[in-house]
Amino acid sequence: MPALDHDEQIRRLAEVADVHVTDCLDVCDQANVFGVQPSSEGRAAGGRPVWLALVNDQGATADVAEWIRAGGPGLAPMPPILERHRFTPPRPL
């Protein structure tokens, strides 16, 4: 996504979570793709990883950051606005 400031996106998300960047997840047609892992508390509460695709603007990045800030998978319900970004990877990533 050449028009997106990737460094700014990473910085904003790093304010609320550990961020790990990878070169390729083999779903380039859905970039930018995020895997949101539950915290240990979230996992204990039944949270599972959530995959989000097409997170390509500041608003969507802010929505992801706010959900993580609220607790993320297992601790906070996914905001309806993020449901349109949820996807199932074609193979385990």
PDB file of N, CA and C in Angstrom:
ATOM      1  N   MET A   1       0.839  -1.174   0.000  1.00  0.00           N
ATOM      2  CA  MET A   1       0.000   0.000   0.000  1.00  0.00           C
ATOM      3  C   MET A   1       0.883   1.235   0.000  1.00  0.00           C
ATOM      4  N   PRO A   2       1.353   1.664  -1.126  1.00  0.00           N
ATOM      5  CA  PRO A   2       2.302   2.770  -1.197  1.00  0.00           C
ATOM      6  C   PRO A   2       1.794   4.088  -0.615  1.00  0.00           C
ATOM      7  N   ALA A   3       0.499   4.340  -0.653  1.00  0.00           N
ATOM      8  CA  ALA A   3      -0.022   5.618  -0.155  1.00  0.00           C
ATOM      9  C   ALA A   3      -0.140   5.659   1.371  1.00  0.00           C
ATOM     10  N   LEU A   4       0.020   4.524   2.028  1.00  0.00           N
ATOM     11  CA  LEU A   4      -0.119   4.443   3.477  1.00  0.00           C
ATOM     12  C   LEU A   4       1.228   4.678   4.153  1.00  0.00           C
ATOM     13  N   ASP A   5       1.241   5.456   5.209  1.00  0.00           N
ATOM     14  CA  ASP A   5       2.451   5.665   6.009  1.00  0.00           C
ATOM     15  C   ASP A   5       2.586   4.481   6.967  1.00  0.00           C
ATOM     16  N   HIS A   6       3.292   3.464   6.507  1.00  0.00           N
ATOM     17  CA  HIS A   6       3.429   2.231   7.286  1.00  0.00           C
ATOM     18  C   HIS A   6       4.124   2.471   8.615  1.00  0.00           C
ATOM     19  N   ASP A   7       5.134   3.323   8.626  1.00  0.00           N
ATOM     20  CA  ASP A   7       5.842   3.603   9.882  1.00  0.00           C
ATOM     21  C   ASP A   7       4.908   4.226  10.905  1.00  0.00           C
ATOM     22  N   GLU A   8       4.034   5.114  10.462  1.00  0.00           N
ATOM     23  CA  GLU A   8       3.060   5.739  11.367  1.00  0.00           C
ATOM     24  C   GLU A   8       2.053   4.706  11.871  1.00  0.00           C
ATOM     25  N   GLN A   9       1.634   3.811  10.994  1.00  0.00           N
ATOM     26  CA  GLN A   9       0.697   2.767  11.393  1.00  0.00           C
ATOM     27  C   GLN A   9       1.332   1.874  12.471  1.00  0.00           C
ATOM     28  N   ILE A  10       2.558   1.490  12.260  1.00  0.00           N
ATOM     29  CA  ILE A  10       3.268   0.660  13.242  1.00  0.00           C
ATOM     30  C   ILE A  10       3.441   1.418  14.547  1.00  0.00           C
ATOM     31  N   ARG A  11       3.813   2.682  14.463  1.00  0.00           N
ATOM     32  CA  ARG A  11       4.001   3.482  15.680  1.00  0.00           C
ATOM     33  C   ARG A  11       2.714   3.561  16.488  1.00  0.00           C
ATOM     34  N   ARG A  12       1.600   3.818  15.818  1.00  0.00           N
ATOM     35  CA  ARG A  12       0.316   3.925  16.524  1.00  0.00           C
ATOM     36  C   ARG A  12      -0.064   2.612  17.196  1.00  0.00           C
ATOM     37  N   LEU A  13       0.154   1.509  16.513  1.00  0.00           N
ATOM     38  CA  LEU A  13      -0.195   0.218  17.107  1.00  0.00           C
ATOM     39  C   LEU A  13       0.780  -0.171  18.218  1.00  0.00           C
ATOM     40  N   ALA A  14       2.042   0.220  18.072  1.00  0.00           N
ATOM     41  CA  ALA A  14       3.037  -0.097  19.103  1.00  0.00           C
ATOM     42  C   ALA A  14       2.765   0.640  20.411  1.00  0.00           C
ATOM     43  N   GLU A  15       1.948   1.678  20.363  1.00  0.00           N
ATOM     44  CA  GLU A  15       1.570   2.379  21.591  1.00  0.00           C
ATOM     45  C   GLU A  15       0.666   1.520  22.467  1.00  0.00           C
ATOM     46  N   VAL A  16       0.004   0.514  21.885  1.00  0.00           N
ATOM     47  CA  VAL A  16      -0.960  -0.289  22.638  1.00  0.00           C
ATOM     48  C   VAL A  16      -0.642  -1.781  22.654  1.00  0.00           C
ATOM     49  N   ALA A  17       0.348  -2.220  21.865  1.00  0.00           N
ATOM     50  CA  ALA A  17       0.639  -3.655  21.782  1.00  0.00           C
ATOM     51  C   ALA A  17       2.052  -3.877  21.265  1.00  0.00           C
ATOM     52  N   ASP A  18       2.536  -5.095  21.469  1.00  0.00           N
ATOM     53  CA  ASP A  18       3.781  -5.493  20.829  1.00  0.00           C
ATOM     54  C   ASP A  18       3.474  -5.707  19.352  1.00  0.00           C
ATOM     55  N   VAL A  19       4.301  -5.158  18.487  1.00  0.00           N
ATOM     56  CA  VAL A  19       4.088  -5.259  17.049  1.00  0.00           C
ATOM     57  C   VAL A  19       5.259  -6.004  16.436  1.00  0.00           C
ATOM     58  N   HIS A  20       4.940  -7.003  15.649  1.00  0.00           N
ATOM     59  CA  HIS A  20       5.949  -7.768  14.916  1.00  0.00           C
ATOM     60  C   HIS A  20       5.624  -7.631  13.435  1.00  0.00           C
ATOM     61  N   VAL A  21       6.596  -7.210  12.658  1.00  0.00           N
ATOM     62  CA  VAL A  21       6.394  -6.981  11.231  1.00  0.00           C
ATOM     63  C   VAL A  21       7.047  -8.118  10.462  1.00  0.00           C
ATOM     64  N   THR A  22       6.351  -8.593   9.449  1.00  0.00           N
ATOM     65  CA  THR A  22       6.875  -9.650   8.605  1.00  0.00           C
ATOM     66  C   THR A  22       6.819  -9.193   7.147  1.00  0.00           C
ATOM     67  N   ASP A  23       7.584  -9.823   6.305  1.00  0.00           N
ATOM     68  CA  ASP A  23       7.607  -9.459   4.895  1.00  0.00           C
ATOM     69  C   ASP A  23       6.368  -9.931   4.149  1.00  0.00           C
ATOM     70  N   CYS A  24       5.950 -11.163   4.387  1.00  0.00           N
ATOM     71  CA  CYS A  24       4.883 -11.717   3.568  1.00  0.00           C
ATOM     72  C   CYS A  24       4.085 -12.746   4.353  1.00  0.00           C
ATOM     73  N   LEU A  25       2.763 -12.653   4.225  1.00  0.00           N
ATOM     74  CA  LEU A  25       1.866 -13.645   4.811  1.00  0.00           C
ATOM     75  C   LEU A  25       1.088 -14.391   3.724  1.00  0.00           C
ATOM     76  N   ASP A  26       1.500 -14.198   2.473  1.00  0.00           N
ATOM     77  CA  ASP A  26       0.878 -14.846   1.310  1.00  0.00           C
ATOM     78  C   ASP A  26      -0.583 -14.475   1.113  1.00  0.00           C
ATOM     79  N   VAL A  27      -0.959 -13.289   1.530  1.00  0.00           N
ATOM     80  CA  VAL A  27      -2.305 -12.773   1.263  1.00  0.00           C
ATOM     81  C   VAL A  27      -2.182 -11.318   0.808  1.00  0.00           C
ATOM     82  N   CYS A  28      -1.284 -11.100  -0.143  1.00  0.00           N
ATOM     83  CA  CYS A  28      -0.968  -9.748  -0.612  1.00  0.00           C
ATOM     84  C   CYS A  28      -2.192  -9.001  -1.119  1.00  0.00           C
ATOM     85  N   ASP A  29      -3.142  -9.714  -1.695  1.00  0.00           N
ATOM     86  CA  ASP A  29      -4.329  -9.057  -2.224  1.00  0.00           C
ATOM     87  C   ASP A  29      -5.219  -8.489  -1.122  1.00  0.00           C
ATOM     88  N   GLN A  30      -4.900  -8.792   0.144  1.00  0.00           N
ATOM     89  CA  GLN A  30      -5.689  -8.288   1.267  1.00  0.00           C
ATOM     90  C   GLN A  30      -4.874  -7.389   2.204  1.00  0.00           C
ATOM     91  N   ALA A  31      -3.702  -6.951   1.752  1.00  0.00           N
ATOM     92  CA  ALA A  31      -2.839  -6.117   2.589  1.00  0.00           C
ATOM     93  C   ALA A  31      -3.544  -4.808   2.942  1.00  0.00           C
ATOM     94  N   ASN A  32      -3.253  -4.307   4.040  1.00  0.00           N
ATOM     95  CA  ASN A  32      -2.401  -4.713   5.148  1.00  0.00           C
ATOM     96  C   ASN A  32      -3.157  -5.698   6.033  1.00  0.00           C
ATOM     97  N   VAL A  33      -2.460  -6.733   6.427  1.00  0.00           N
ATOM     98  CA  VAL A  33      -3.050  -7.801   7.219  1.00  0.00           C
ATOM     99  C   VAL A  33      -2.447  -7.770   8.614  1.00  0.00           C
ATOM    100  N   PHE A  34      -3.304  -7.904   9.613  1.00  0.00           N
ATOM    101  CA  PHE A  34      -2.870  -7.964  11.015  1.00  0.00           C
ATOM    102  C   PHE A  34      -3.401  -9.235  11.650  1.00  0.00           C
ATOM    103  N   GLY A  35      -2.572  -9.851  12.459  1.00  0.00           N
ATOM    104  CA  GLY A  35      -3.020 -10.908  13.356  1.00  0.00           C
ATOM    105  C   GLY A  35      -3.030 -10.301  14.753  1.00  0.00           C
ATOM    106  N   VAL A  36      -4.183 -10.280  15.386  1.00  0.00           N
ATOM    107  CA  VAL A  36      -4.292  -9.727  16.735  1.00  0.00           C
ATOM    108  C   VAL A  36      -4.388 -10.899  17.698  1.00  0.00           C
ATOM    109  N   GLN A  37      -3.330 -11.063  18.475  1.00  0.00           N
ATOM    110  CA  GLN A  37      -3.267 -12.155  19.437  1.00  0.00           C
ATOM    111  C   GLN A  37      -3.897 -11.717  20.753  1.00  0.00           C
ATOM    112  N   PRO A  38      -4.615 -12.604  21.429  1.00  0.00           N
ATOM    113  CA  PRO A  38      -5.130 -12.235  22.744  1.00  0.00           C
ATOM    114  C   PRO A  38      -3.995 -12.173  23.758  1.00  0.00           C
ATOM    115  N   SER A  39      -4.190 -11.353  24.762  1.00  0.00           N
ATOM    116  CA  SER A  39      -3.254 -11.332  25.882  1.00  0.00           C
ATOM    117  C   SER A  39      -3.410 -12.646  26.646  1.00  0.00           C
ATOM    118  N   SER A  40      -2.552 -12.899  27.604  1.00  0.00           N
ATOM    119  CA  SER A  40      -2.695 -14.133  28.390  1.00  0.00           C
ATOM    120  C   SER A  40      -4.040 -14.138  29.117  1.00  0.00           C
ATOM    121  N   GLU A  41      -4.481 -12.979  29.587  1.00  0.00           N
ATOM    122  CA  GLU A  41      -5.789 -12.892  30.238  1.00  0.00           C
ATOM    123  C   GLU A  41      -6.912 -13.139  29.225  1.00  0.00           C
ATOM    124  N   GLY A  42      -6.741 -12.586  28.032  1.00  0.00           N
ATOM    125  CA  GLY A  42      -7.733 -12.789  26.986  1.00  0.00           C
ATOM    126  C   GLY A  42      -7.817 -14.243  26.565  1.00  0.00           C
ATOM    127  N   ARG A  43      -6.666 -14.917  26.459  1.00  0.00           N
ATOM    128  CA  ARG A  43      -6.661 -16.331  26.099  1.00  0.00           C
ATOM    129  C   ARG A  43      -7.343 -17.150  27.193  1.00  0.00           C
ATOM    130  N   ALA A  44      -7.062 -16.830  28.459  1.00  0.00           N
ATOM    131  CA  ALA A  44      -7.698 -17.539  29.573  1.00  0.00           C
ATOM    132  C   ALA A  44      -9.219 -17.347  29.552  1.00  0.00           C
ATOM    133  N   ALA A  45      -9.662 -16.223  29.014  1.00  0.00           N
ATOM    134  CA  ALA A  45     -11.091 -15.933  28.930  1.00  0.00           C
ATOM    135  C   ALA A  45     -11.709 -16.505  27.647  1.00  0.00           C
ATOM    136  N   GLY A  46     -10.928 -17.242  26.861  1.00  0.00           N
ATOM    137  CA  GLY A  46     -11.447 -17.871  25.653  1.00  0.00           C
ATOM    138  C   GLY A  46     -11.117 -17.155  24.364  1.00  0.00           C
ATOM    139  N   GLY A  47     -10.334 -16.073  24.427  1.00  0.00           N
ATOM    140  CA  GLY A  47      -9.976 -15.335  23.224  1.00  0.00           C
ATOM    141  C   GLY A  47      -9.046 -16.128  22.321  1.00  0.00           C
ATOM    142  N   ARG A  48      -9.206 -15.959  21.040  1.00  0.00           N
ATOM    143  CA  ARG A  48      -8.366 -16.603  20.029  1.00  0.00           C
ATOM    144  C   ARG A  48      -7.848 -15.537  19.077  1.00  0.00           C
ATOM    145  N   PRO A  49      -6.779 -15.824  18.353  1.00  0.00           N
ATOM    146  CA  PRO A  49      -6.268 -14.839  17.392  1.00  0.00           C
ATOM    147  C   PRO A  49      -7.338 -14.424  16.391  1.00  0.00           C
ATOM    148  N   VAL A  50      -7.294 -13.167  16.020  1.00  0.00           N
ATOM    149  CA  VAL A  50      -8.216 -12.615  15.036  1.00  0.00           C
ATOM    150  C   VAL A  50      -7.376 -12.031  13.909  1.00  0.00           C
ATOM    151  N   TRP A  51      -7.740 -12.372  12.677  1.00  0.00           N
ATOM    152  CA  TRP A  51      -7.040 -11.862  11.508  1.00  0.00           C
ATOM    153  C   TRP A  51      -7.867 -10.761  10.879  1.00  0.00           C
ATOM    154  N   LEU A  52      -7.207  -9.637  10.610  1.00  0.00           N
ATOM    155  CA  LEU A  52      -7.852  -8.479  10.001  1.00  0.00           C
ATOM    156  C   LEU A  52      -7.142  -8.146   8.697  1.00  0.00           C
ATOM    157  N   ALA A  53      -7.908  -7.876   7.665  1.00  0.00           N
ATOM    158  CA  ALA A  53      -7.354  -7.560   6.346  1.00  0.00           C
ATOM    159  C   ALA A  53      -7.806  -6.178   5.910  1.00  0.00           C
ATOM    160  N   LEU A  54      -7.094  -5.650   4.934  1.00  0.00           N
ATOM    161  CA  LEU A  54      -7.425  -4.367   4.311  1.00  0.00           C
ATOM    162  C   LEU A  54      -7.482  -3.225   5.327  1.00  0.00           C
ATOM    163  N   VAL A  55      -6.555  -3.253   6.267  1.00  0.00           N
ATOM    164  CA  VAL A  55      -6.448  -2.168   7.250  1.00  0.00           C
ATOM    165  C   VAL A  55      -5.502  -1.135   6.638  1.00  0.00           C
ATOM    166  N   ASN A  56      -6.078  -0.272   5.808  1.00  0.00           N
ATOM    167  CA  ASN A  56      -5.275   0.583   4.940  1.00  0.00           C
ATOM    168  C   ASN A  56      -5.475   2.074   5.141  1.00  0.00           C
ATOM    169  N   ASP A  57      -6.070   2.468   6.249  1.00  0.00           N
ATOM    170  CA  ASP A  57      -6.216   3.897   6.488  1.00  0.00           C
ATOM    171  C   ASP A  57      -6.105   4.182   7.979  1.00  0.00           C
ATOM    172  N   GLN A  58      -5.953   5.448   8.298  1.00  0.00           N
ATOM    173  CA  GLN A  58      -5.749   5.840   9.693  1.00  0.00           C
ATOM    174  C   GLN A  58      -6.955   5.516  10.561  1.00  0.00           C
ATOM    175  N   GLY A  59      -8.152   5.620  10.012  1.00  0.00           N
ATOM    176  CA  GLY A  59      -9.348   5.318  10.781  1.00  0.00           C
ATOM    177  C   GLY A  59      -9.404   3.862  11.193  1.00  0.00           C
ATOM    178  N   ALA A  60      -9.119   2.964  10.255  1.00  0.00           N
ATOM    179  CA  ALA A  60      -9.127   1.535  10.571  1.00  0.00           C
ATOM    180  C   ALA A  60      -8.024   1.205  11.574  1.00  0.00           C
ATOM    181  N   THR A  61      -6.863   1.836  11.417  1.00  0.00           N
ATOM    182  CA  THR A  61      -5.767   1.622  12.369  1.00  0.00           C
ATOM    183  C   THR A  61      -6.189   2.083  13.757  1.00  0.00           C
ATOM    184  N   ALA A  62      -6.838   3.223  13.844  1.00  0.00           N
ATOM    185  CA  ALA A  62      -7.321   3.726  15.139  1.00  0.00           C
ATOM    186  C   ALA A  62      -8.353   2.778  15.742  1.00  0.00           C
ATOM    187  N   ASP A  63      -9.217   2.200  14.918  1.00  0.00           N
ATOM    188  CA  ASP A  63     -10.212   1.247  15.422  1.00  0.00           C
ATOM    189  C   ASP A  63      -9.539   0.009  16.003  1.00  0.00           C
ATOM    190  N   VAL A  64      -8.513  -0.499  15.329  1.00  0.00           N
ATOM    191  CA  VAL A  64      -7.770  -1.660  15.833  1.00  0.00           C
ATOM    192  C   VAL A  64      -7.100  -1.301  17.154  1.00  0.00           C
ATOM    193  N   ALA A  65      -6.430  -0.155  17.198  1.00  0.00           N
ATOM    194  CA  ALA A  65      -5.731   0.270  18.425  1.00  0.00           C
ATOM    195  C   ALA A  65      -6.702   0.425  19.587  1.00  0.00           C
ATOM    196  N   GLU A  66      -7.858   0.988  19.335  1.00  0.00           N
ATOM    197  CA  GLU A  66      -8.847   1.176  20.397  1.00  0.00           C
ATOM    198  C   GLU A  66      -9.356  -0.162  20.919  1.00  0.00           C
ATOM    199  N   TRP A  67      -9.579  -1.113  20.036  1.00  0.00           N
ATOM    200  CA  TRP A  67     -10.030  -2.449  20.454  1.00  0.00           C
ATOM    201  C   TRP A  67      -8.962  -3.120  21.316  1.00  0.00           C
ATOM    202  N   ILE A  68      -7.714  -3.026  20.900  1.00  0.00           N
ATOM    203  CA  ILE A  68      -6.627  -3.608  21.689  1.00  0.00           C
ATOM    204  C   ILE A  68      -6.545  -2.915  23.046  1.00  0.00           C
ATOM    205  N   ARG A  69      -6.645  -1.593  23.049  1.00  0.00           N
ATOM    206  CA  ARG A  69      -6.605  -0.830  24.298  1.00  0.00           C
ATOM    207  C   ARG A  69      -7.717  -1.278  25.248  1.00  0.00           C
ATOM    208  N   ALA A  70      -8.875  -1.624  24.695  1.00  0.00           N
ATOM    209  CA  ALA A  70     -10.017  -2.064  25.493  1.00  0.00           C
ATOM    210  C   ALA A  70      -9.859  -3.491  26.007  1.00  0.00           C
ATOM    211  N   GLY A  71      -8.873  -4.232  25.491  1.00  0.00           N
ATOM    212  CA  GLY A  71      -8.627  -5.602  25.946  1.00  0.00           C
ATOM    213  C   GLY A  71      -8.413  -6.594  24.830  1.00  0.00           C
ATOM    214  N   GLY A  72      -8.953  -6.317  23.657  1.00  0.00           N
ATOM    215  CA  GLY A  72      -8.742  -7.204  22.512  1.00  0.00           C
ATOM    216  C   GLY A  72      -9.454  -8.532  22.641  1.00  0.00           C
ATOM    217  N   PRO A  73      -9.035  -9.521  21.847  1.00  0.00           N
ATOM    218  CA  PRO A  73      -9.725 -10.815  21.811  1.00  0.00           C
ATOM    219  C   PRO A  73      -9.863 -11.440  23.199  1.00  0.00           C
ATOM    220  N   GLY A  74     -11.079 -11.850  23.504  1.00  0.00           N
ATOM    221  CA  GLY A  74     -11.358 -12.514  24.772  1.00  0.00           C
ATOM    222  C   GLY A  74     -11.771 -11.579  25.887  1.00  0.00           C
ATOM    223  N   LEU A  75     -11.382 -10.308  25.796  1.00  0.00           N
ATOM    224  CA  LEU A  75     -11.689  -9.360  26.872  1.00  0.00           C
ATOM    225  C   LEU A  75     -12.603  -8.224  26.436  1.00  0.00           C
ATOM    226  N   ALA A  76     -12.593  -7.902  25.184  1.00  0.00           N
ATOM    227  CA  ALA A  76     -13.440  -6.810  24.675  1.00  0.00           C
ATOM    228  C   ALA A  76     -14.117  -7.285  23.396  1.00  0.00           C
ATOM    229  N   PRO A  77     -15.397  -7.016  23.265  1.00  0.00           N
ATOM    230  CA  PRO A  77     -16.049  -7.404  22.012  1.00  0.00           C
ATOM    231  C   PRO A  77     -15.441  -6.659  20.825  1.00  0.00           C
ATOM    232  N   MET A  78     -15.353  -7.358  19.711  1.00  0.00           N
ATOM    233  CA  MET A  78     -14.833  -6.711  18.511  1.00  0.00           C
ATOM    234  C   MET A  78     -15.832  -5.657  18.055  1.00  0.00           C
ATOM    235  N   PRO A  79     -15.368  -4.440  17.831  1.00  0.00           N
ATOM    236  CA  PRO A  79     -16.273  -3.406  17.338  1.00  0.00           C
ATOM    237  C   PRO A  79     -16.861  -3.810  15.978  1.00  0.00           C
ATOM    238  N   PRO A  80     -18.138  -3.535  15.779  1.00  0.00           N
ATOM    239  CA  PRO A  80     -18.760  -3.902  14.493  1.00  0.00           C
ATOM    240  C   PRO A  80     -17.999  -3.365  13.279  1.00  0.00           C
ATOM    241  N   ILE A  81     -17.382  -2.198  13.395  1.00  0.00           N
ATOM    242  CA  ILE A  81     -16.643  -1.622  12.268  1.00  0.00           C
ATOM    243  C   ILE A  81     -15.478  -2.524  11.842  1.00  0.00           C
ATOM    244  N   LEU A  82     -14.926  -3.289  12.790  1.00  0.00           N
ATOM    245  CA  LEU A  82     -13.804  -4.171  12.453  1.00  0.00           C
ATOM    246  C   LEU A  82     -14.266  -5.497  11.860  1.00  0.00           C
ATOM    247  N   GLU A  83     -15.531  -5.842  12.037  1.00  0.00           N
ATOM    248  CA  GLU A  83     -16.033  -7.099  11.463  1.00  0.00           C
ATOM    249  C   GLU A  83     -15.832  -7.132   9.946  1.00  0.00           C
ATOM    250  N   ARG A  84     -15.904  -5.993   9.308  1.00  0.00           N
ATOM    251  CA  ARG A  84     -15.719  -5.985   7.847  1.00  0.00           C
ATOM    252  C   ARG A  84     -14.274  -6.270   7.455  1.00  0.00           C
ATOM    253  N   HIS A  85     -13.351  -6.200   8.403  1.00  0.00           N
ATOM    254  CA  HIS A  85     -11.943  -6.482   8.139  1.00  0.00           C
ATOM    255  C   HIS A  85     -11.561  -7.919   8.518  1.00  0.00           C
ATOM    256  N   ARG A  86     -12.399  -8.582   9.287  1.00  0.00           N
ATOM    257  CA  ARG A  86     -12.070  -9.947   9.748  1.00  0.00           C
ATOM    258  C   ARG A  86     -12.034 -10.899   8.562  1.00  0.00           C
ATOM    259  N   PHE A  87     -11.046 -11.794   8.558  1.00  0.00           N
ATOM    260  CA  PHE A  87     -10.999 -12.810   7.523  1.00  0.00           C
ATOM    261  C   PHE A  87     -10.319 -14.057   8.064  1.00  0.00           C
ATOM    262  N   THR A  88     -10.505 -15.146   7.355  1.00  0.00           N
ATOM    263  CA  THR A  88      -9.849 -16.411   7.693  1.00  0.00           C
ATOM    264  C   THR A  88      -8.749 -16.634   6.670  1.00  0.00           C
ATOM    265  N   PRO A  89      -7.508 -16.735   7.154  1.00  0.00           N
ATOM    266  CA  PRO A  89      -6.405 -16.964   6.199  1.00  0.00           C
ATOM    267  C   PRO A  89      -6.613 -18.253   5.425  1.00  0.00           C
ATOM    268  N   PRO A  90      -6.089 -18.319   4.203  1.00  0.00           N
ATOM    269  CA  PRO A  90      -6.274 -19.509   3.381  1.00  0.00           C
ATOM    270  C   PRO A  90      -5.527 -20.739   3.906  1.00  0.00           C
ATOM    271  N   ARG A  91      -4.557 -20.496   4.765  1.00  0.00           N
ATOM    272  CA  ARG A  91      -3.803 -21.594   5.403  1.00  0.00           C
ATOM    273  C   ARG A  91      -3.303 -21.046   6.728  1.00  0.00           C
ATOM    274  N   PRO A  92      -2.906 -21.915   7.636  1.00  0.00           N
ATOM    275  CA  PRO A  92      -2.388 -21.406   8.919  1.00  0.00           C
ATOM    276  C   PRO A  92      -1.185 -20.497   8.704  1.00  0.00           C
ATOM    277  N   LEU A  93      -1.215 -19.333   9.344  1.00  0.00           N
ATOM    278  CA  LEU A  93      -0.111 -18.364   9.194  1.00  0.00           C
ATOM    279  C   LEU A  93       0.755 -18.363  10.442  1.00  0.00           C
TER     280      LEU A  93
END
